[in-house]
ModelCIF file with pLDDT and N, C-alpha, C, O atoms, coordinates in Angstrom:
data_MODEL
#
_entry.id   MODEL 
#
_entity.id                         1 
_entity.type                       polymer 
_entity.pdbx_number_of_molecules   1 
#
_entity_poly.entity_id                      1 
_entity_poly.type                           'polypeptide(L)' 
_entity_poly.nstd_linkage                   no 
_entity_poly.nstd_monomer                   no 
_entity_poly.pdbx_seq_one_letter_code       VGGRGVSGTAFLANPGYRTYLYDNLQAQVVDMETAAFAQVAY 
_entity_poly.pdbx_seq_one_letter_code_can   VGGRGVSGTAFLANPGYRTYLYDNLQAQVVDMETAAFAQVAY 
_entity_poly.pdbx_strand_id                 A 
#
loop_
_entity_poly_seq.entity_id 
_entity_poly_seq.num 
_entity_poly_seq.mon_id 
_entity_poly_seq.hetero 
1 1  VAL n 
1 2  GLY n 
1 3  GLY n 
1 4  ARG n 
1 5  GLY n 
1 6  VAL n 
1 7  SER n 
1 8  GLY n 
1 9  THR n 
1 10 ALA n 
1 11 PHE n 
1 12 LEU n 
1 13 ALA n 
1 14 ASN n 
1 15 PRO n 
1 16 GLY n 
1 17 TYR n 
1 18 ARG n 
1 19 THR n 
1 20 TYR n 
1 21 LEU n 
1 22 TYR n 
1 23 ASP n 
1 24 ASN n 
1 25 LEU n 
1 26 GLN n 
1 27 ALA n 
1 28 GLN n 
1 29 VAL n 
1 30 VAL n 
1 31 ASP n 
1 32 MET n 
1 33 GLU n 
1 34 THR n 
1 35 ALA n 
1 36 ALA n 
1 37 PHE n 
1 38 ALA n 
1 39 GLN n 
1 40 VAL n 
1 41 ALA n 
1 42 TYR n 
#
_struct_asym.id          A 
_struct_asym.entity_id   1 
#
loop_
_ma_qa_metric.id 
_ma_qa_metric.mode 
_ma_qa_metric.name 
_ma_qa_metric.software_group_id 
_ma_qa_metric.type 
1 global pLDDT . pLDDT 
2 local  pLDDT . pLDDT 
#
_ma_qa_metric_global.metric_id      1 
_ma_qa_metric_global.metric_value   93.74 
_ma_qa_metric_global.model_id       1 
_ma_qa_metric_global.ordinal_id     1 
#
loop_
_ma_qa_metric_local.label_asym_id 
_ma_qa_metric_local.label_comp_id 
_ma_qa_metric_local.label_seq_id 
_ma_qa_metric_local.metric_id 
_ma_qa_metric_local.metric_value 
_ma_qa_metric_local.model_id 
_ma_qa_metric_local.ordinal_id 
A VAL 1  2 97.00 1 1  
A GLY 2  2 96.00 1 2  
A GLY 3  2 96.00 1 3  
A ARG 4  2 97.00 1 4  
A GLY 5  2 97.00 1 5  
A VAL 6  2 97.00 1 6  
A SER 7  2 96.00 1 7  
A GLY 8  2 93.00 1 8  
A THR 9  2 91.00 1 9  
A ALA 10 2 89.00 1 10 
A PHE 11 2 87.00 1 11 
A LEU 12 2 86.00 1 12 
A ALA 13 2 84.00 1 13 
A ASN 14 2 86.00 1 14 
A PRO 15 2 88.00 1 15 
A GLY 16 2 90.00 1 16 
A TYR 17 2 92.00 1 17 
A ARG 18 2 92.00 1 18 
A THR 19 2 92.00 1 19 
A TYR 20 2 94.00 1 20 
A LEU 21 2 95.00 1 21 
A TYR 22 2 95.00 1 22 
A ASP 23 2 95.00 1 23 
A ASN 24 2 95.00 1 24 
A LEU 25 2 96.00 1 25 
A GLN 26 2 95.00 1 26 
A ALA 27 2 95.00 1 27 
A GLN 28 2 96.00 1 28 
A VAL 29 2 95.00 1 29 
A VAL 30 2 95.00 1 30 
A ASP 31 2 94.00 1 31 
A MET 32 2 92.00 1 32 
A GLU 33 2 94.00 1 33 
A THR 34 2 96.00 1 34 
A ALA 35 2 96.00 1 35 
A ALA 36 2 96.00 1 36 
A PHE 37 2 96.00 1 37 
A ALA 38 2 97.00 1 38 
A GLN 39 2 96.00 1 39 
A VAL 40 2 96.00 1 40 
A ALA 41 2 96.00 1 41 
A TYR 42 2 96.00 1 42 
#
loop_
_atom_site.group_PDB 
_atom_site.id 
_atom_site.type_symbol 
_atom_site.label_atom_id 
_atom_site.label_alt_id 
_atom_site.label_comp_id 
_atom_site.label_asym_id 
_atom_site.label_entity_id 
_atom_site.label_seq_id 
_atom_site.pdbx_PDB_ins_code 
_atom_site.Cartn_x 
_atom_site.Cartn_y 
_atom_site.Cartn_z 
_atom_site.occupancy 
_atom_site.B_iso_or_equiv 
_atom_site.pdbx_formal_charge 
_atom_site.auth_seq_id 
_atom_site.auth_comp_id 
_atom_site.auth_asym_id 
_atom_site.auth_atom_id 
_atom_site.pdbx_PDB_model_num 
ATOM 1   N N  . VAL A 1 1  ? 30.214 -2.007  14.068 1.00 97.00 ? 1  VAL A N  1 
ATOM 2   C CA . VAL A 1 1  ? 30.229 -2.850  12.914 1.00 97.00 ? 1  VAL A CA 1 
ATOM 3   C C  . VAL A 1 1  ? 29.740 -4.246  13.271 1.00 97.00 ? 1  VAL A C  1 
ATOM 4   O O  . VAL A 1 1  ? 30.213 -4.877  14.216 1.00 97.00 ? 1  VAL A O  1 
ATOM 5   N N  . GLY A 1 2  ? 28.735 -4.722  12.448 1.00 96.00 ? 2  GLY A N  1 
ATOM 6   C CA . GLY A 1 2  ? 28.185 -6.056  12.686 1.00 96.00 ? 2  GLY A CA 1 
ATOM 7   C C  . GLY A 1 2  ? 26.697 -6.086  12.766 1.00 96.00 ? 2  GLY A C  1 
ATOM 8   O O  . GLY A 1 2  ? 26.069 -5.029  12.714 1.00 96.00 ? 2  GLY A O  1 
ATOM 9   N N  . GLY A 1 3  ? 26.069 -7.287  12.895 1.00 96.00 ? 3  GLY A N  1 
ATOM 10  C CA . GLY A 1 3  ? 24.681 -7.398  13.020 1.00 96.00 ? 3  GLY A CA 1 
ATOM 11  C C  . GLY A 1 3  ? 24.025 -7.262  11.668 1.00 96.00 ? 3  GLY A C  1 
ATOM 12  O O  . GLY A 1 3  ? 24.666 -7.225  10.617 1.00 96.00 ? 3  GLY A O  1 
ATOM 13  N N  . ARG A 1 4  ? 22.645 -7.187  11.758 1.00 97.00 ? 4  ARG A N  1 
ATOM 14  C CA . ARG A 1 4  ? 21.780 -7.188  10.557 1.00 97.00 ? 4  ARG A CA 1 
ATOM 15  C C  . ARG A 1 4  ? 21.090 -5.811  10.468 1.00 97.00 ? 4  ARG A C  1 
ATOM 16  O O  . ARG A 1 4  ? 20.658 -5.238  11.468 1.00 97.00 ? 4  ARG A O  1 
ATOM 17  N N  . GLY A 1 5  ? 21.010 -5.315  9.231  1.00 97.00 ? 5  GLY A N  1 
ATOM 18  C CA . GLY A 1 5  ? 20.177 -4.110  8.966  1.00 97.00 ? 5  GLY A CA 1 
ATOM 19  C C  . GLY A 1 5  ? 18.913 -4.560  8.135  1.00 97.00 ? 5  GLY A C  1 
ATOM 20  O O  . GLY A 1 5  ? 18.967 -5.523  7.370  1.00 97.00 ? 5  GLY A O  1 
ATOM 21  N N  . VAL A 1 6  ? 17.827 -3.844  8.317  1.00 97.00 ? 6  VAL A N  1 
ATOM 22  C CA . VAL A 1 6  ? 16.609 -4.185  7.548  1.00 97.00 ? 6  VAL A CA 1 
ATOM 23  C C  . VAL A 1 6  ? 16.078 -2.931  6.923  1.00 97.00 ? 6  VAL A C  1 
ATOM 24  O O  . VAL A 1 6  ? 16.278 -1.809  7.389  1.00 97.00 ? 6  VAL A O  1 
ATOM 25  N N  . SER A 1 7  ? 15.385 -3.189  5.836  1.00 96.00 ? 7  SER A N  1 
ATOM 26  C CA . SER A 1 7  ? 14.693 -2.141  5.055  1.00 96.00 ? 7  SER A CA 1 
ATOM 27  C C  . SER A 1 7  ? 13.292 -2.447  4.736  1.00 96.00 ? 7  SER A C  1 
ATOM 28  O O  . SER A 1 7  ? 12.946 -3.625  4.644  1.00 96.00 ? 7  SER A O  1 
ATOM 29  N N  . GLY A 1 8  ? 12.410 -1.436  4.549  1.00 93.00 ? 8  GLY A N  1 
ATOM 30  C CA . GLY A 1 8  ? 11.105 -1.764  4.180  1.00 93.00 ? 8  GLY A CA 1 
ATOM 31  C C  . GLY A 1 8  ? 10.424 -0.547  3.525  1.00 93.00 ? 8  GLY A C  1 
ATOM 32  O O  . GLY A 1 8  ? 10.990 0.544   3.449  1.00 93.00 ? 8  GLY A O  1 
ATOM 33  N N  . THR A 1 9  ? 9.176  -0.782  3.053  1.00 91.00 ? 9  THR A N  1 
ATOM 34  C CA . THR A 1 9  ? 8.515  0.290   2.355  1.00 91.00 ? 9  THR A CA 1 
ATOM 35  C C  . THR A 1 9  ? 7.821  1.207   3.333  1.00 91.00 ? 9  THR A C  1 
ATOM 36  O O  . THR A 1 9  ? 7.313  2.236   2.888  1.00 91.00 ? 9  THR A O  1 
ATOM 37  N N  . ALA A 1 10 ? 7.751  0.942   4.591  1.00 89.00 ? 10 ALA A N  1 
ATOM 38  C CA . ALA A 1 10 ? 7.060  1.732   5.541  1.00 89.00 ? 10 ALA A CA 1 
ATOM 39  C C  . ALA A 1 10 ? 7.966  2.535   6.371  1.00 89.00 ? 10 ALA A C  1 
ATOM 40  O O  . ALA A 1 10 ? 8.992  2.019   6.815  1.00 89.00 ? 10 ALA A O  1 
ATOM 41  N N  . PHE A 1 11 ? 7.662  3.779   6.620  1.00 87.00 ? 11 PHE A N  1 
ATOM 42  C CA . PHE A 1 11 ? 8.475  4.565   7.593  1.00 87.00 ? 11 PHE A CA 1 
ATOM 43  C C  . PHE A 1 11 ? 8.051  4.120   8.917  1.00 87.00 ? 11 PHE A C  1 
ATOM 44  O O  . PHE A 1 11 ? 6.900  4.309   9.310  1.00 87.00 ? 11 PHE A O  1 
ATOM 45  N N  . LEU A 1 12 ? 8.956  3.527   9.626  1.00 86.00 ? 12 LEU A N  1 
ATOM 46  C CA . LEU A 1 12 ? 8.570  2.765   10.855 1.00 86.00 ? 12 LEU A CA 1 
ATOM 47  C C  . LEU A 1 12 ? 8.532  3.735   12.014 1.00 86.00 ? 12 LEU A C  1 
ATOM 48  O O  . LEU A 1 12 ? 9.521  4.364   12.394 1.00 86.00 ? 12 LEU A O  1 
ATOM 49  N N  . ALA A 1 13 ? 7.322  3.815   12.555 1.00 84.00 ? 13 ALA A N  1 
ATOM 50  C CA . ALA A 1 13 ? 7.023  4.543   13.760 1.00 84.00 ? 13 ALA A CA 1 
ATOM 51  C C  . ALA A 1 13 ? 6.205  3.687   14.681 1.00 84.00 ? 13 ALA A C  1 
ATOM 52  O O  . ALA A 1 13 ? 5.296  4.227   15.310 1.00 84.00 ? 13 ALA A O  1 
ATOM 53  N N  . ASN A 1 14 ? 6.431  2.442   14.817 1.00 86.00 ? 14 ASN A N  1 
ATOM 54  C CA . ASN A 1 14 ? 5.677  1.484   15.563 1.00 86.00 ? 14 ASN A CA 1 
ATOM 55  C C  . ASN A 1 14 ? 6.574  0.707   16.490 1.00 86.00 ? 14 ASN A C  1 
ATOM 56  O O  . ASN A 1 14 ? 7.282  -0.195  16.042 1.00 86.00 ? 14 ASN A O  1 
ATOM 57  N N  . PRO A 1 15 ? 6.568  1.044   17.837 1.00 88.00 ? 15 PRO A N  1 
ATOM 58  C CA . PRO A 1 15 ? 7.436  0.364   18.794 1.00 88.00 ? 15 PRO A CA 1 
ATOM 59  C C  . PRO A 1 15 ? 7.297  -1.128  18.831 1.00 88.00 ? 15 PRO A C  1 
ATOM 60  O O  . PRO A 1 15 ? 8.263  -1.863  19.034 1.00 88.00 ? 15 PRO A O  1 
ATOM 61  N N  . GLY A 1 16 ? 6.005  -1.585  18.621 1.00 90.00 ? 16 GLY A N  1 
ATOM 62  C CA . GLY A 1 16 ? 5.756  -3.039  18.666 1.00 90.00 ? 16 GLY A CA 1 
ATOM 63  C C  . GLY A 1 16 ? 6.510  -3.745  17.484 1.00 90.00 ? 16 GLY A C  1 
ATOM 64  O O  . GLY A 1 16 ? 7.139  -4.787  17.672 1.00 90.00 ? 16 GLY A O  1 
ATOM 65  N N  . TYR A 1 17 ? 6.429  -3.179  16.349 1.00 92.00 ? 17 TYR A N  1 
ATOM 66  C CA . TYR A 1 17 ? 7.040  -3.850  15.201 1.00 92.00 ? 17 TYR A CA 1 
ATOM 67  C C  . TYR A 1 17 ? 8.567  -3.672  15.357 1.00 92.00 ? 17 TYR A C  1 
ATOM 68  O O  . TYR A 1 17 ? 9.315  -4.561  14.951 1.00 92.00 ? 17 TYR A O  1 
ATOM 69  N N  . ARG A 1 18 ? 9.032  -2.599  15.909 1.00 92.00 ? 18 ARG A N  1 
ATOM 70  C CA . ARG A 1 18 ? 10.484 -2.460  16.140 1.00 92.00 ? 18 ARG A CA 1 
ATOM 71  C C  . ARG A 1 18 ? 11.000 -3.602  17.008 1.00 92.00 ? 18 ARG A C  1 
ATOM 72  O O  . ARG A 1 18 ? 12.039 -4.206  16.739 1.00 92.00 ? 18 ARG A O  1 
ATOM 73  N N  . THR A 1 19 ? 10.210 -3.879  18.087 1.00 92.00 ? 19 THR A N  1 
ATOM 74  C CA . THR A 1 19 ? 10.622 -4.965  19.042 1.00 92.00 ? 19 THR A CA 1 
ATOM 75  C C  . THR A 1 19 ? 10.572 -6.312  18.319 1.00 92.00 ? 19 THR A C  1 
ATOM 76  O O  . THR A 1 19 ? 11.430 -7.170  18.530 1.00 92.00 ? 19 THR A O  1 
ATOM 77  N N  . TYR A 1 20 ? 9.605  -6.484  17.502 1.00 94.00 ? 20 TYR A N  1 
ATOM 78  C CA . TYR A 1 20 ? 9.523  -7.775  16.691 1.00 94.00 ? 20 TYR A CA 1 
ATOM 79  C C  . TYR A 1 20 ? 10.761 -7.949  15.843 1.00 94.00 ? 20 TYR A C  1 
ATOM 80  O O  . TYR A 1 20 ? 11.310 -9.049  15.773 1.00 94.00 ? 20 TYR A O  1 
ATOM 81  N N  . LEU A 1 21 ? 11.235 -6.841  15.167 1.00 95.00 ? 21 LEU A N  1 
ATOM 82  C CA . LEU A 1 21 ? 12.420 -6.991  14.308 1.00 95.00 ? 21 LEU A CA 1 
ATOM 83  C C  . LEU A 1 21 ? 13.665 -7.253  15.085 1.00 95.00 ? 21 LEU A C  1 
ATOM 84  O O  . LEU A 1 21 ? 14.574 -7.928  14.602 1.00 95.00 ? 21 LEU A O  1 
ATOM 85  N N  . TYR A 1 22 ? 13.730 -6.701  16.355 1.00 95.00 ? 22 TYR A N  1 
ATOM 86  C CA . TYR A 1 22 ? 14.862 -6.928  17.186 1.00 95.00 ? 22 TYR A CA 1 
ATOM 87  C C  . TYR A 1 22 ? 14.828 -8.412  17.781 1.00 95.00 ? 22 TYR A C  1 
ATOM 88  O O  . TYR A 1 22 ? 15.816 -9.146  17.781 1.00 95.00 ? 22 TYR A O  1 
ATOM 89  N N  . ASP A 1 23 ? 13.673 -8.741  18.248 1.00 95.00 ? 23 ASP A N  1 
ATOM 90  C CA . ASP A 1 23 ? 13.589 -10.110 18.895 1.00 95.00 ? 23 ASP A CA 1 
ATOM 91  C C  . ASP A 1 23 ? 13.802 -11.231 17.919 1.00 95.00 ? 23 ASP A C  1 
ATOM 92  O O  . ASP A 1 23 ? 14.447 -12.224 18.256 1.00 95.00 ? 23 ASP A O  1 
ATOM 93  N N  . ASN A 1 24 ? 13.266 -11.103 16.686 1.00 95.00 ? 24 ASN A N  1 
ATOM 94  C CA . ASN A 1 24 ? 13.292 -12.216 15.751 1.00 95.00 ? 24 ASN A CA 1 
ATOM 95  C C  . ASN A 1 24 ? 14.420 -12.098 14.694 1.00 95.00 ? 24 ASN A C  1 
ATOM 96  O O  . ASN A 1 24 ? 14.749 -13.077 14.024 1.00 95.00 ? 24 ASN A O  1 
ATOM 97  N N  . LEU A 1 25 ? 14.987 -10.925 14.559 1.00 96.00 ? 25 LEU A N  1 
ATOM 98  C CA . LEU A 1 25 ? 15.991 -10.828 13.543 1.00 96.00 ? 25 LEU A CA 1 
ATOM 99  C C  . LEU A 1 25 ? 17.360 -10.257 14.176 1.00 96.00 ? 25 LEU A C  1 
ATOM 100 O O  . LEU A 1 25 ? 18.412 -10.228 13.537 1.00 96.00 ? 25 LEU A O  1 
ATOM 101 N N  . GLN A 1 26 ? 17.238 -9.845  15.385 1.00 95.00 ? 26 GLN A N  1 
ATOM 102 C CA . GLN A 1 26 ? 18.398 -9.090  16.030 1.00 95.00 ? 26 GLN A CA 1 
ATOM 103 C C  . GLN A 1 26 ? 18.784 -7.906  15.209 1.00 95.00 ? 26 GLN A C  1 
ATOM 104 O O  . GLN A 1 26 ? 19.956 -7.532  15.153 1.00 95.00 ? 26 GLN A O  1 
ATOM 105 N N  . ALA A 1 27 ? 17.796 -7.301  14.558 1.00 95.00 ? 27 ALA A N  1 
ATOM 106 C CA . ALA A 1 27 ? 18.161 -6.148  13.687 1.00 95.00 ? 27 ALA A CA 1 
ATOM 107 C C  . ALA A 1 27 ? 18.697 -4.977  14.487 1.00 95.00 ? 27 ALA A C  1 
ATOM 108 O O  . ALA A 1 27 ? 18.266 -4.743  15.616 1.00 95.00 ? 27 ALA A O  1 
ATOM 109 N N  . GLN A 1 28 ? 19.646 -4.230  13.901 1.00 96.00 ? 28 GLN A N  1 
ATOM 110 C CA . GLN A 1 28 ? 20.272 -3.127  14.543 1.00 96.00 ? 28 GLN A CA 1 
ATOM 111 C C  . GLN A 1 28 ? 19.693 -1.799  14.112 1.00 96.00 ? 28 GLN A C  1 
ATOM 112 O O  . GLN A 1 28 ? 19.677 -0.840  14.884 1.00 96.00 ? 28 GLN A O  1 
ATOM 113 N N  . VAL A 1 29 ? 19.206 -1.737  12.852 1.00 95.00 ? 29 VAL A N  1 
ATOM 114 C CA . VAL A 1 29 ? 18.925 -0.482  12.204 1.00 95.00 ? 29 VAL A CA 1 
ATOM 115 C C  . VAL A 1 29 ? 17.911 -0.749  11.111 1.00 95.00 ? 29 VAL A C  1 
ATOM 116 O O  . VAL A 1 29 ? 17.928 -1.802  10.473 1.00 95.00 ? 29 VAL A O  1 
ATOM 117 N N  . VAL A 1 30 ? 17.028 0.216   10.901 1.00 95.00 ? 30 VAL A N  1 
ATOM 118 C CA . VAL A 1 30 ? 15.986 0.110   9.884  1.00 95.00 ? 30 VAL A CA 1 
ATOM 119 C C  . VAL A 1 30 ? 15.957 1.313   8.992  1.00 95.00 ? 30 VAL A C  1 
ATOM 120 O O  . VAL A 1 30 ? 16.060 2.425   9.510  1.00 95.00 ? 30 VAL A O  1 
ATOM 121 N N  . ASP A 1 31 ? 15.820 1.180   7.634  1.00 94.00 ? 31 ASP A N  1 
ATOM 122 C CA . ASP A 1 31 ? 15.706 2.268   6.767  1.00 94.00 ? 31 ASP A CA 1 
ATOM 123 C C  . ASP A 1 31 ? 14.825 1.930   5.534  1.00 94.00 ? 31 ASP A C  1 
ATOM 124 O O  . ASP A 1 31 ? 14.147 0.904   5.559  1.00 94.00 ? 31 ASP A O  1 
ATOM 125 N N  . MET A 1 32 ? 14.811 2.685   4.547  1.00 92.00 ? 32 MET A N  1 
ATOM 126 C CA . MET A 1 32 ? 13.870 2.426   3.434  1.00 92.00 ? 32 MET A CA 1 
ATOM 127 C C  . MET A 1 32 ? 14.591 2.227   2.099  1.00 92.00 ? 32 MET A C  1 
ATOM 128 O O  . MET A 1 32 ? 13.962 2.303   1.044  1.00 92.00 ? 32 MET A O  1 
ATOM 129 N N  . GLU A 1 33 ? 15.919 1.968   2.135  1.00 94.00 ? 33 GLU A N  1 
ATOM 130 C CA . GLU A 1 33 ? 16.670 1.859   0.902  1.00 94.00 ? 33 GLU A CA 1 
ATOM 131 C C  . GLU A 1 33 ? 17.717 0.764   0.863  1.00 94.00 ? 33 GLU A C  1 
ATOM 132 O O  . GLU A 1 33 ? 17.830 0.086   -0.159 1.00 94.00 ? 33 GLU A O  1 
ATOM 133 N N  . THR A 1 34 ? 18.486 0.554   1.915  1.00 96.00 ? 34 THR A N  1 
ATOM 134 C CA . THR A 1 34 ? 19.739 -0.200  1.837  1.00 96.00 ? 34 THR A CA 1 
ATOM 135 C C  . THR A 1 34 ? 19.645 -1.633  1.333  1.00 96.00 ? 34 THR A C  1 
ATOM 136 O O  . THR A 1 34 ? 20.485 -2.082  0.553  1.00 96.00 ? 34 THR A O  1 
ATOM 137 N N  . ALA A 1 35 ? 18.568 -2.380  1.804  1.00 96.00 ? 35 ALA A N  1 
ATOM 138 C CA . ALA A 1 35 ? 18.437 -3.731  1.462  1.00 96.00 ? 35 ALA A CA 1 
ATOM 139 C C  . ALA A 1 35 ? 18.188 -3.872  -0.058 1.00 96.00 ? 35 ALA A C  1 
ATOM 140 O O  . ALA A 1 35 ? 18.693 -4.809  -0.675 1.00 96.00 ? 35 ALA A O  1 
ATOM 141 N N  . ALA A 1 36 ? 17.446 -2.988  -0.639 1.00 96.00 ? 36 ALA A N  1 
ATOM 142 C CA . ALA A 1 36 ? 17.232 -2.957  -2.036 1.00 96.00 ? 36 ALA A CA 1 
ATOM 143 C C  . ALA A 1 36 ? 18.499 -2.631  -2.806 1.00 96.00 ? 36 ALA A C  1 
ATOM 144 O O  . ALA A 1 36 ? 18.791 -3.254  -3.828 1.00 96.00 ? 36 ALA A O  1 
ATOM 145 N N  . PHE A 1 37 ? 19.234 -1.676  -2.327 1.00 96.00 ? 37 PHE A N  1 
ATOM 146 C CA . PHE A 1 37 ? 20.555 -1.390  -2.864 1.00 96.00 ? 37 PHE A CA 1 
ATOM 147 C C  . PHE A 1 37 ? 21.446 -2.556  -2.789 1.00 96.00 ? 37 PHE A C  1 
ATOM 148 O O  . PHE A 1 37 ? 22.203 -2.802  -3.728 1.00 96.00 ? 37 PHE A O  1 
ATOM 149 N N  . ALA A 1 38 ? 21.406 -3.310  -1.707 1.00 97.00 ? 38 ALA A N  1 
ATOM 150 C CA . ALA A 1 38 ? 22.255 -4.519  -1.500 1.00 97.00 ? 38 ALA A CA 1 
ATOM 151 C C  . ALA A 1 38 ? 21.839 -5.569  -2.507 1.00 97.00 ? 38 ALA A C  1 
ATOM 152 O O  . ALA A 1 38 ? 22.713 -6.241  -3.054 1.00 97.00 ? 38 ALA A O  1 
ATOM 153 N N  . GLN A 1 39 ? 20.556 -5.754  -2.785 1.00 96.00 ? 39 GLN A N  1 
ATOM 154 C CA . GLN A 1 39 ? 20.125 -6.767  -3.735 1.00 96.00 ? 39 GLN A CA 1 
ATOM 155 C C  . GLN A 1 39 ? 20.603 -6.394  -5.122 1.00 96.00 ? 39 GLN A C  1 
ATOM 156 O O  . GLN A 1 39 ? 20.965 -7.299  -5.874 1.00 96.00 ? 39 GLN A O  1 
ATOM 157 N N  . VAL A 1 40 ? 20.631 -5.146  -5.513 1.00 96.00 ? 40 VAL A N  1 
ATOM 158 C CA . VAL A 1 40 ? 21.115 -4.741  -6.867 1.00 96.00 ? 40 VAL A CA 1 
ATOM 159 C C  . VAL A 1 40 ? 22.660 -5.054  -6.853 1.00 96.00 ? 40 VAL A C  1 
ATOM 160 O O  . VAL A 1 40 ? 23.185 -5.555  -7.847 1.00 96.00 ? 40 VAL A O  1 
ATOM 161 N N  . ALA A 1 41 ? 23.336 -4.776  -5.798 1.00 96.00 ? 41 ALA A N  1 
ATOM 162 C CA . ALA A 1 41 ? 24.804 -5.089  -5.708 1.00 96.00 ? 41 ALA A CA 1 
ATOM 163 C C  . ALA A 1 41 ? 25.052 -6.601  -5.903 1.00 96.00 ? 41 ALA A C  1 
ATOM 164 O O  . ALA A 1 41 ? 25.960 -7.022  -6.620 1.00 96.00 ? 41 ALA A O  1 
ATOM 165 N N  . TYR A 1 42 ? 24.200 -7.388  -5.230 1.00 96.00 ? 42 TYR A N  1 
ATOM 166 C CA . TYR A 1 42 ? 24.361 -8.840  -5.289 1.00 96.00 ? 42 TYR A CA 1 
ATOM 167 C C  . TYR A 1 42 ? 24.081 -9.423  -6.643 1.00 96.00 ? 42 TYR A C  1 
ATOM 168 O O  . TYR A 1 42 ? 24.180 -10.637 -6.825 1.00 96.00 ? 42 TYR A O  1 
#
């Protein structure tokens, strides 16, 4: 429990971009739905 999750329109299969997300956002997990779901909730 904790940290930041990220979502996007792309199915992520790019190790370089994964590293970018971790290095700059300390992201823990990536999917294609939850952040949009979270914005609707907010």
